[in-house]
PDB file of N, CA and C in Angstrom:
ATOM      1  N   MET A   1     -19.437 -79.647  53.729  1.00  0.00           N
ATOM      2  CA  MET A   1     -20.416 -78.645  52.952  1.00  0.00           C
ATOM      3  C   MET A   1     -18.784 -77.528  52.892  1.00  0.00           C
ATOM      4  N   THR A   2     -18.861 -76.331  51.753  1.00  0.00           N
ATOM      5  CA  THR A   2     -17.746 -75.095  51.755  1.00  0.00           C
ATOM      6  C   THR A   2     -18.483 -74.684  52.136  1.00  0.00           C
ATOM      7  N   ASP A   3     -17.273 -73.340  52.928  1.00  0.00           N
ATOM      8  CA  ASP A   3     -18.030 -72.558  53.625  1.00  0.00           C
ATOM      9  C   ASP A   3     -18.611 -71.665  52.799  1.00  0.00           C
ATOM     10  N   PRO A   4     -19.879 -70.883  53.194  1.00  0.00           N
ATOM     11  CA  PRO A   4     -20.180 -70.017  51.862  1.00  0.00           C
ATOM     12  C   PRO A   4     -19.011 -68.710  52.231  1.00  0.00           C
ATOM     13  N   VAL A   5     -18.789 -68.374  53.201  1.00  0.00           N
ATOM     14  CA  VAL A   5     -18.172 -67.382  52.747  1.00  0.00           C
ATOM     15  C   VAL A   5     -16.478 -67.630  52.423  1.00  0.00           C
ATOM     16  N   GLU A   6     -15.781 -68.553  51.679  1.00  0.00           N
ATOM     17  CA  GLU A   6     -14.217 -68.550  50.857  1.00  0.00           C
ATOM     18  C   GLU A   6     -15.158 -68.521  49.513  1.00  0.00           C
ATOM     19  N   SER A   7     -16.829 -69.808  49.069  1.00  0.00           N
ATOM     20  CA  SER A   7     -18.000 -69.549  48.518  1.00  0.00           C
ATOM     21  C   SER A   7     -17.700 -68.558  47.471  1.00  0.00           C
ATOM     22  N   ILE A   8     -18.600 -66.919  48.355  1.00  0.00           N
ATOM     23  CA  ILE A   8     -19.166 -66.308  47.976  1.00  0.00           C
ATOM     24  C   ILE A   8     -17.659 -65.617  47.439  1.00  0.00           C
ATOM     25  N   GLN A   9     -16.518 -64.834  48.491  1.00  0.00           N
ATOM     26  CA  GLN A   9     -14.698 -64.265  48.315  1.00  0.00           C
ATOM     27  C   GLN A   9     -14.871 -64.976  46.111  1.00  0.00           C
ATOM     28  N   HIS A  10     -15.180 -66.724  46.113  1.00  0.00           N
ATOM     29  CA  HIS A  10     -14.690 -66.579  45.570  1.00  0.00           C
ATOM     30  C   HIS A  10     -15.759 -66.481  43.760  1.00  0.00           C
ATOM     31  N   ILE A  11     -17.106 -66.408  44.362  1.00  0.00           N
ATOM     32  CA  ILE A  11     -17.491 -65.692  43.055  1.00  0.00           C
ATOM     33  C   ILE A  11     -17.275 -64.452  43.156  1.00  0.00           C
ATOM     34  N   VAL A  12     -16.907 -63.394  43.795  1.00  0.00           N
ATOM     35  CA  VAL A  12     -16.857 -62.212  43.856  1.00  0.00           C
ATOM     36  C   VAL A  12     -15.206 -62.098  42.640  1.00  0.00           C
ATOM     37  N   ASN A  13     -14.060 -62.858  43.075  1.00  0.00           N
ATOM     38  CA  ASN A  13     -13.156 -62.683  42.137  1.00  0.00           C
ATOM     39  C   ASN A  13     -13.203 -63.145  41.407  1.00  0.00           C
ATOM     40  N   LYS A  14     -13.928 -63.522  40.744  1.00  0.00           N
ATOM     41  CA  LYS A  14     -13.786 -64.474  38.971  1.00  0.00           C
ATOM     42  C   LYS A  14     -14.765 -62.939  38.893  1.00  0.00           C
ATOM     43  N   ALA A  15     -16.254 -62.813  39.012  1.00  0.00           N
ATOM     44  CA  ALA A  15     -16.820 -61.188  38.686  1.00  0.00           C
ATOM     45  C   ALA A  15     -15.600 -60.282  38.586  1.00  0.00           C
ATOM     46  N   VAL A  16     -15.348 -60.136  39.621  1.00  0.00           N
ATOM     47  CA  VAL A  16     -14.121 -58.932  39.429  1.00  0.00           C
ATOM     48  C   VAL A  16     -13.143 -59.181  38.170  1.00  0.00           C
ATOM     49  N   SER A  17     -12.390 -59.999  38.024  1.00  0.00           N
ATOM     50  CA  SER A  17     -11.155 -60.601  37.032  1.00  0.00           C
ATOM     51  C   SER A  17     -12.240 -60.517  35.512  1.00  0.00           C
ATOM     52  N   GLU A  18     -13.057 -61.108  35.405  1.00  0.00           N
ATOM     53  CA  GLU A  18     -13.864 -61.570  34.210  1.00  0.00           C
ATOM     54  C   GLU A  18     -14.508 -59.903  33.616  1.00  0.00           C
ATOM     55  N   PHE A  19     -15.274 -59.775  34.633  1.00  0.00           N
ATOM     56  CA  PHE A  19     -16.027 -58.241  34.649  1.00  0.00           C
ATOM     57  C   PHE A  19     -15.329 -56.587  34.661  1.00  0.00           C
ATOM     58  N   SER A  20     -14.199 -57.127  35.186  1.00  0.00           N
ATOM     59  CA  SER A  20     -13.859 -55.847  35.429  1.00  0.00           C
ATOM     60  C   SER A  20     -14.772 -54.885  36.468  1.00  0.00           C
ATOM     61  N   CYS A  21     -14.554 -55.605  37.413  1.00  0.00           N
ATOM     62  CA  CYS A  21     -16.169 -54.917  38.713  1.00  0.00           C
ATOM     63  C   CYS A  21     -15.845 -54.383  39.632  1.00  0.00           C
ATOM     64  N   ALA A  22     -15.635 -53.181  40.136  1.00  0.00           N
ATOM     65  CA  ALA A  22     -15.117 -52.442  40.976  1.00  0.00           C
ATOM     66  C   ALA A  22     -15.440 -52.404  42.327  1.00  0.00           C
ATOM     67  N   ALA A  23     -16.743 -53.274  42.431  1.00  0.00           N
ATOM     68  CA  ALA A  23     -18.011 -53.865  43.395  1.00  0.00           C
ATOM     69  C   ALA A  23     -17.600 -54.602  44.490  1.00  0.00           C
ATOM     70  N   GLU A  24     -16.016 -55.109  44.884  1.00  0.00           N
ATOM     71  CA  GLU A  24     -16.509 -55.555  45.231  1.00  0.00           C
ATOM     72  C   GLU A  24     -16.901 -55.761  46.862  1.00  0.00           C
ATOM     73  N   ALA A  25     -16.975 -55.174  47.711  1.00  0.00           N
ATOM     74  CA  ALA A  25     -17.251 -54.744  48.822  1.00  0.00           C
ATOM     75  C   ALA A  25     -19.184 -55.607  48.619  1.00  0.00           C
ATOM     76  N   GLY A  26     -19.889 -54.359  47.902  1.00  0.00           N
ATOM     77  CA  GLY A  26     -20.972 -54.580  47.334  1.00  0.00           C
ATOM     78  C   GLY A  26     -21.933 -55.865  47.730  1.00  0.00           C
ATOM     79  N   LEU A  27     -20.815 -56.741  46.650  1.00  0.00           N
ATOM     80  CA  LEU A  27     -21.005 -58.038  45.441  1.00  0.00           C
ATOM     81  C   LEU A  27     -21.041 -58.908  47.317  1.00  0.00           C
ATOM     82  N   SER A  28     -19.768 -58.866  47.704  1.00  0.00           N
ATOM     83  CA  SER A  28     -19.953 -59.760  48.347  1.00  0.00           C
ATOM     84  C   SER A  28     -20.757 -59.794  49.927  1.00  0.00           C
ATOM     85  N   ALA A  29     -21.085 -58.811  50.259  1.00  0.00           N
ATOM     86  CA  ALA A  29     -22.340 -58.440  51.447  1.00  0.00           C
ATOM     87  C   ALA A  29     -23.598 -59.075  50.358  1.00  0.00           C
ATOM     88  N   TYR A  30     -24.377 -58.492  49.044  1.00  0.00           N
ATOM     89  CA  TYR A  30     -25.413 -58.982  48.701  1.00  0.00           C
ATOM     90  C   TYR A  30     -25.043 -60.101  48.644  1.00  0.00           C
ATOM     91  N   LEU A  31     -23.970 -60.788  48.397  1.00  0.00           N
ATOM     92  CA  LEU A  31     -24.600 -62.298  48.582  1.00  0.00           C
ATOM     93  C   LEU A  31     -24.859 -62.965  49.911  1.00  0.00           C
ATOM     94  N   ALA A  32     -23.788 -62.982  50.361  1.00  0.00           N
ATOM     95  CA  ALA A  32     -24.190 -62.889  52.138  1.00  0.00           C
ATOM     96  C   ALA A  32     -25.566 -62.896  52.184  1.00  0.00           C
ATOM     97  N   GLU A  33     -26.211 -61.904  52.116  1.00  0.00           N
ATOM     98  CA  GLU A  33     -27.736 -61.780  52.550  1.00  0.00           C
ATOM     99  C   GLU A  33     -28.466 -62.748  51.243  1.00  0.00           C
ATOM    100  N   VAL A  34     -28.354 -62.760  49.786  1.00  0.00           N
ATOM    101  CA  VAL A  34     -29.102 -63.890  49.482  1.00  0.00           C
ATOM    102  C   VAL A  34     -28.350 -65.188  50.079  1.00  0.00           C
ATOM    103  N   LEU A  35     -27.020 -65.731  50.666  1.00  0.00           N
ATOM    104  CA  LEU A  35     -27.421 -66.877  51.542  1.00  0.00           C
ATOM    105  C   LEU A  35     -27.647 -67.330  53.023  1.00  0.00           C
ATOM    106  N   ALA A  36     -27.910 -65.659  54.178  1.00  0.00           N
ATOM    107  CA  ALA A  36     -28.538 -66.127  54.941  1.00  0.00           C
ATOM    108  C   ALA A  36     -29.698 -66.017  54.816  1.00  0.00           C
ATOM    109  N   TRP A  37     -30.525 -65.581  54.293  1.00  0.00           N
ATOM    110  CA  TRP A  37     -31.890 -65.120  53.810  1.00  0.00           C
ATOM    111  C   TRP A  37     -32.389 -66.601  53.262  1.00  0.00           C
ATOM    112  N   ASN A  38     -31.604 -67.225  52.258  1.00  0.00           N
ATOM    113  CA  ASN A  38     -32.942 -68.349  51.268  1.00  0.00           C
ATOM    114  C   ASN A  38     -33.247 -69.104  52.346  1.00  0.00           C
ATOM    115  N   PRO A  39     -32.426 -69.708  52.966  1.00  0.00           N
ATOM    116  CA  PRO A  39     -33.159 -70.779  53.952  1.00  0.00           C
ATOM    117  C   PRO A  39     -35.037 -70.673  54.051  1.00  0.00           C
ATOM    118  N   THR A  40     -35.060 -69.335  54.534  1.00  0.00           N
ATOM    119  CA  THR A  40     -36.343 -69.004  55.315  1.00  0.00           C
ATOM    120  C   THR A  40     -36.687 -68.133  53.674  1.00  0.00           C
ATOM    121  N   LEU A  41     -36.674 -67.247  52.689  1.00  0.00           N
ATOM    122  CA  LEU A  41     -37.557 -67.227  52.271  1.00  0.00           C
ATOM    123  C   LEU A  41     -37.201 -67.665  50.032  1.00  0.00           C
ATOM    124  N   GLY A  42     -36.046 -68.817  50.347  1.00  0.00           N
ATOM    125  CA  GLY A  42     -36.253 -69.281  49.306  1.00  0.00           C
ATOM    126  C   GLY A  42     -36.068 -68.678  47.922  1.00  0.00           C
ATOM    127  N   LEU A  43     -34.892 -67.378  48.060  1.00  0.00           N
ATOM    128  CA  LEU A  43     -34.474 -66.774  47.081  1.00  0.00           C
ATOM    129  C   LEU A  43     -33.583 -67.315  45.634  1.00  0.00           C
ATOM    130  N   VAL A  44     -32.843 -68.315  46.473  1.00  0.00           N
ATOM    131  CA  VAL A  44     -32.300 -69.553  45.169  1.00  0.00           C
ATOM    132  C   VAL A  44     -32.766 -70.369  45.721  1.00  0.00           C
ATOM    133  N   SER A  45     -31.631 -71.715  44.666  1.00  0.00           N
ATOM    134  CA  SER A  45     -31.925 -73.226  44.435  1.00  0.00           C
ATOM    135  C   SER A  45     -31.691 -73.069  45.804  1.00  0.00           C
ATOM    136  N   ARG A  46     -32.086 -74.626  46.939  1.00  0.00           N
ATOM    137  CA  ARG A  46     -31.642 -74.969  47.958  1.00  0.00           C
ATOM    138  C   ARG A  46     -30.740 -75.737  47.474  1.00  0.00           C
ATOM    139  N   ARG A  47     -30.804 -76.475  46.542  1.00  0.00           N
ATOM    140  CA  ARG A  47     -30.021 -78.180  46.534  1.00  0.00           C
ATOM    141  C   ARG A  47     -27.985 -77.209  46.478  1.00  0.00           C
ATOM    142  N   ASP A  48     -27.650 -76.401  45.472  1.00  0.00           N
ATOM    143  CA  ASP A  48     -26.877 -76.076  45.023  1.00  0.00           C
ATOM    144  C   ASP A  48     -26.574 -74.179  44.869  1.00  0.00           C
ATOM    145  N   PRO A  49     -27.417 -73.633  47.120  1.00  0.00           N
ATOM    146  CA  PRO A  49     -27.761 -71.959  46.606  1.00  0.00           C
ATOM    147  C   PRO A  49     -25.971 -71.175  46.125  1.00  0.00           C
ATOM    148  N   VAL A  50     -25.153 -71.670  46.350  1.00  0.00           N
ATOM    149  CA  VAL A  50     -23.897 -70.623  46.292  1.00  0.00           C
ATOM    150  C   VAL A  50     -23.053 -70.802  44.012  1.00  0.00           C
ATOM    151  N   ALA A  51     -23.964 -72.557  43.811  1.00  0.00           N
ATOM    152  CA  ALA A  51     -23.811 -72.013  42.215  1.00  0.00           C
ATOM    153  C   ALA A  51     -25.660 -71.377  41.856  1.00  0.00           C
ATOM    154  N   ALA A  52     -26.077 -71.374  42.256  1.00  0.00           N
ATOM    155  CA  ALA A  52     -27.257 -70.141  42.163  1.00  0.00           C
ATOM    156  C   ALA A  52     -27.290 -68.586  42.070  1.00  0.00           C
ATOM    157  N   CYS A  53     -26.550 -68.538  43.305  1.00  0.00           N
ATOM    158  CA  CYS A  53     -26.186 -67.177  43.501  1.00  0.00           C
ATOM    159  C   CYS A  53     -24.264 -67.061  42.362  1.00  0.00           C
ATOM    160  N   GLU A  54     -24.155 -67.078  41.942  1.00  0.00           N
ATOM    161  CA  GLU A  54     -23.011 -66.768  40.827  1.00  0.00           C
ATOM    162  C   GLU A  54     -23.576 -66.946  39.622  1.00  0.00           C
ATOM    163  N   ARG A  55     -25.414 -68.085  39.207  1.00  0.00           N
ATOM    164  CA  ARG A  55     -25.738 -67.442  37.918  1.00  0.00           C
ATOM    165  C   ARG A  55     -26.481 -66.420  37.945  1.00  0.00           C
ATOM    166  N   LEU A  56     -27.072 -66.237  38.979  1.00  0.00           N
ATOM    167  CA  LEU A  56     -28.053 -65.241  39.141  1.00  0.00           C
ATOM    168  C   LEU A  56     -26.508 -63.781  39.399  1.00  0.00           C
ATOM    169  N   LEU A  57     -26.084 -63.855  39.987  1.00  0.00           N
ATOM    170  CA  LEU A  57     -24.811 -62.856  39.963  1.00  0.00           C
ATOM    171  C   LEU A  57     -24.511 -62.570  38.857  1.00  0.00           C
ATOM    172  N   PHE A  58     -23.718 -63.244  37.844  1.00  0.00           N
ATOM    173  CA  PHE A  58     -22.842 -63.908  37.273  1.00  0.00           C
ATOM    174  C   PHE A  58     -23.749 -63.161  35.114  1.00  0.00           C
ATOM    175  N   GLU A  59     -24.974 -63.151  35.532  1.00  0.00           N
ATOM    176  CA  GLU A  59     -26.222 -63.285  34.436  1.00  0.00           C
ATOM    177  C   GLU A  59     -26.914 -61.323  34.347  1.00  0.00           C
ATOM    178  N   SER A  60     -26.780 -61.099  35.847  1.00  0.00           N
ATOM    179  CA  SER A  60     -27.069 -59.933  36.279  1.00  0.00           C
ATOM    180  C   SER A  60     -25.834 -58.862  35.467  1.00  0.00           C
ATOM    181  N   LEU A  61     -24.162 -59.380  36.027  1.00  0.00           N
ATOM    182  CA  LEU A  61     -23.190 -58.289  34.879  1.00  0.00           C
ATOM    183  C   LEU A  61     -22.821 -58.680  34.039  1.00  0.00           C
ATOM    184  N   GLU A  62     -23.357 -59.420  33.028  1.00  0.00           N
ATOM    185  CA  GLU A  62     -22.805 -59.623  31.372  1.00  0.00           C
ATOM    186  C   GLU A  62     -24.190 -58.906  31.089  1.00  0.00           C
ATOM    187  N   LEU A  63     -25.045 -59.364  31.367  1.00  0.00           N
ATOM    188  CA  LEU A  63     -26.328 -57.870  31.035  1.00  0.00           C
ATOM    189  C   LEU A  63     -25.580 -56.590  31.014  1.00  0.00           C
ATOM    190  N   GLY A  64     -25.331 -56.506  32.419  1.00  0.00           N
ATOM    191  CA  GLY A  64     -24.916 -54.681  32.415  1.00  0.00           C
ATOM    192  C   GLY A  64     -23.826 -54.648  31.181  1.00  0.00           C
ATOM    193  N   HIS A  65     -22.584 -55.594  31.211  1.00  0.00           N
ATOM    194  CA  HIS A  65     -21.614 -55.696  30.654  1.00  0.00           C
ATOM    195  C   HIS A  65     -21.993 -55.150  28.881  1.00  0.00           C
ATOM    196  N   ALA A  66     -23.272 -56.069  28.558  1.00  0.00           N
ATOM    197  CA  ALA A  66     -23.996 -55.976  27.150  1.00  0.00           C
ATOM    198  C   ALA A  66     -23.925 -54.238  27.338  1.00  0.00           C
ATOM    199  N   LEU A  67     -24.635 -54.184  28.337  1.00  0.00           N
ATOM    200  CA  LEU A  67     -25.855 -52.461  27.671  1.00  0.00           C
ATOM    201  C   LEU A  67     -24.569 -51.210  27.782  1.00  0.00           C
ATOM    202  N   ASP A  68     -23.237 -51.708  28.666  1.00  0.00           N
ATOM    203  CA  ASP A  68     -21.875 -50.536  28.631  1.00  0.00           C
ATOM    204  C   ASP A  68     -22.882 -50.429  29.797  1.00  0.00           C
ATOM    205  N   VAL A  69     -23.328 -50.803  30.957  1.00  0.00           N
ATOM    206  CA  VAL A  69     -23.597 -49.825  32.678  1.00  0.00           C
ATOM    207  C   VAL A  69     -22.054 -49.136  33.215  1.00  0.00           C
ATOM    208  N   ASN A  70     -22.687 -48.039  33.791  1.00  0.00           N
ATOM    209  CA  ASN A  70     -21.565 -47.738  34.587  1.00  0.00           C
ATOM    210  C   ASN A  70     -21.698 -47.279  35.744  1.00  0.00           C
ATOM    211  N   GLU A  71     -20.973 -46.589  36.641  1.00  0.00           N
ATOM    212  CA  GLU A  71     -21.715 -46.490  37.708  1.00  0.00           C
ATOM    213  C   GLU A  71     -22.691 -45.098  38.049  1.00  0.00           C
ATOM    214  N   ARG A  72     -22.780 -44.682  37.264  1.00  0.00           N
ATOM    215  CA  ARG A  72     -24.121 -43.346  37.118  1.00  0.00           C
ATOM    216  C   ARG A  72     -25.291 -44.555  36.668  1.00  0.00           C
ATOM    217  N   THR A  73     -25.517 -45.228  35.846  1.00  0.00           N
ATOM    218  CA  THR A  73     -26.075 -46.234  35.349  1.00  0.00           C
ATOM    219  C   THR A  73     -27.510 -46.706  36.106  1.00  0.00           C
ATOM    220  N   GLN A  74     -28.610 -46.785  36.458  1.00  0.00           N
ATOM    221  CA  GLN A  74     -29.615 -47.203  36.903  1.00  0.00           C
ATOM    222  C   GLN A  74     -30.594 -48.400  36.781  1.00  0.00           C
ATOM    223  N   ILE A  75     -30.357 -48.783  37.026  1.00  0.00           N
ATOM    224  CA  ILE A  75     -32.011 -50.626  36.377  1.00  0.00           C
ATOM    225  C   ILE A  75     -31.623 -51.624  36.984  1.00  0.00           C
ATOM    226  N   ALA A  76     -33.679 -51.789  36.874  1.00  0.00           N
ATOM    227  CA  ALA A  76     -33.792 -52.095  38.008  1.00  0.00           C
ATOM    228  C   ALA A  76     -34.012 -54.285  37.337  1.00  0.00           C
ATOM    229  N   ASP A  77     -33.919 -55.101  38.335  1.00  0.00           N
ATOM    230  CA  ASP A  77     -34.641 -56.320  38.030  1.00  0.00           C
ATOM    231  C   ASP A  77     -36.300 -56.337  38.693  1.00  0.00           C
ATOM    232  N   VAL A  78     -36.949 -56.316  37.115  1.00  0.00           N
ATOM    233  CA  VAL A  78     -38.373 -56.772  37.701  1.00  0.00           C
ATOM    234  C   VAL A  78     -38.504 -58.200  37.116  1.00  0.00           C
ATOM    235  N   GLY A  79     -38.551 -58.951  37.755  1.00  0.00           N
ATOM    236  CA  GLY A  79     -38.751 -60.024  38.245  1.00  0.00           C
ATOM    237  C   GLY A  79     -39.621 -60.864  38.439  1.00  0.00           C
ATOM    238  N   SER A  80     -40.251 -62.094  38.050  1.00  0.00           N
ATOM    239  CA  SER A  80     -41.364 -62.874  38.804  1.00  0.00           C
ATOM    240  C   SER A  80     -41.546 -62.766  39.900  1.00  0.00           C
ATOM    241  N   GLY A  81     -40.020 -62.721  40.313  1.00  0.00           N
ATOM    242  CA  GLY A  81     -40.250 -62.766  41.962  1.00  0.00           C
ATOM    243  C   GLY A  81     -40.215 -61.462  42.643  1.00  0.00           C
TER     244      GLY A  81
END
């Protein structure tokens, strides 16, 4: 099994390079929490939680990019979960 910390760093590096995201520490902490709580709460796919985290994060970043979100913008994800 891949080391979750390495996987998280790979996702964050990709997010930073593809979306010019400057929140590396926050993204790393968020993904670490999702993976840590996933066995208990079932937040993302149990088959491939790292891939699910990447999809979850990238969908949010893509939306933020499309909406031209900046550090002063606040948006809420009010999903079914």
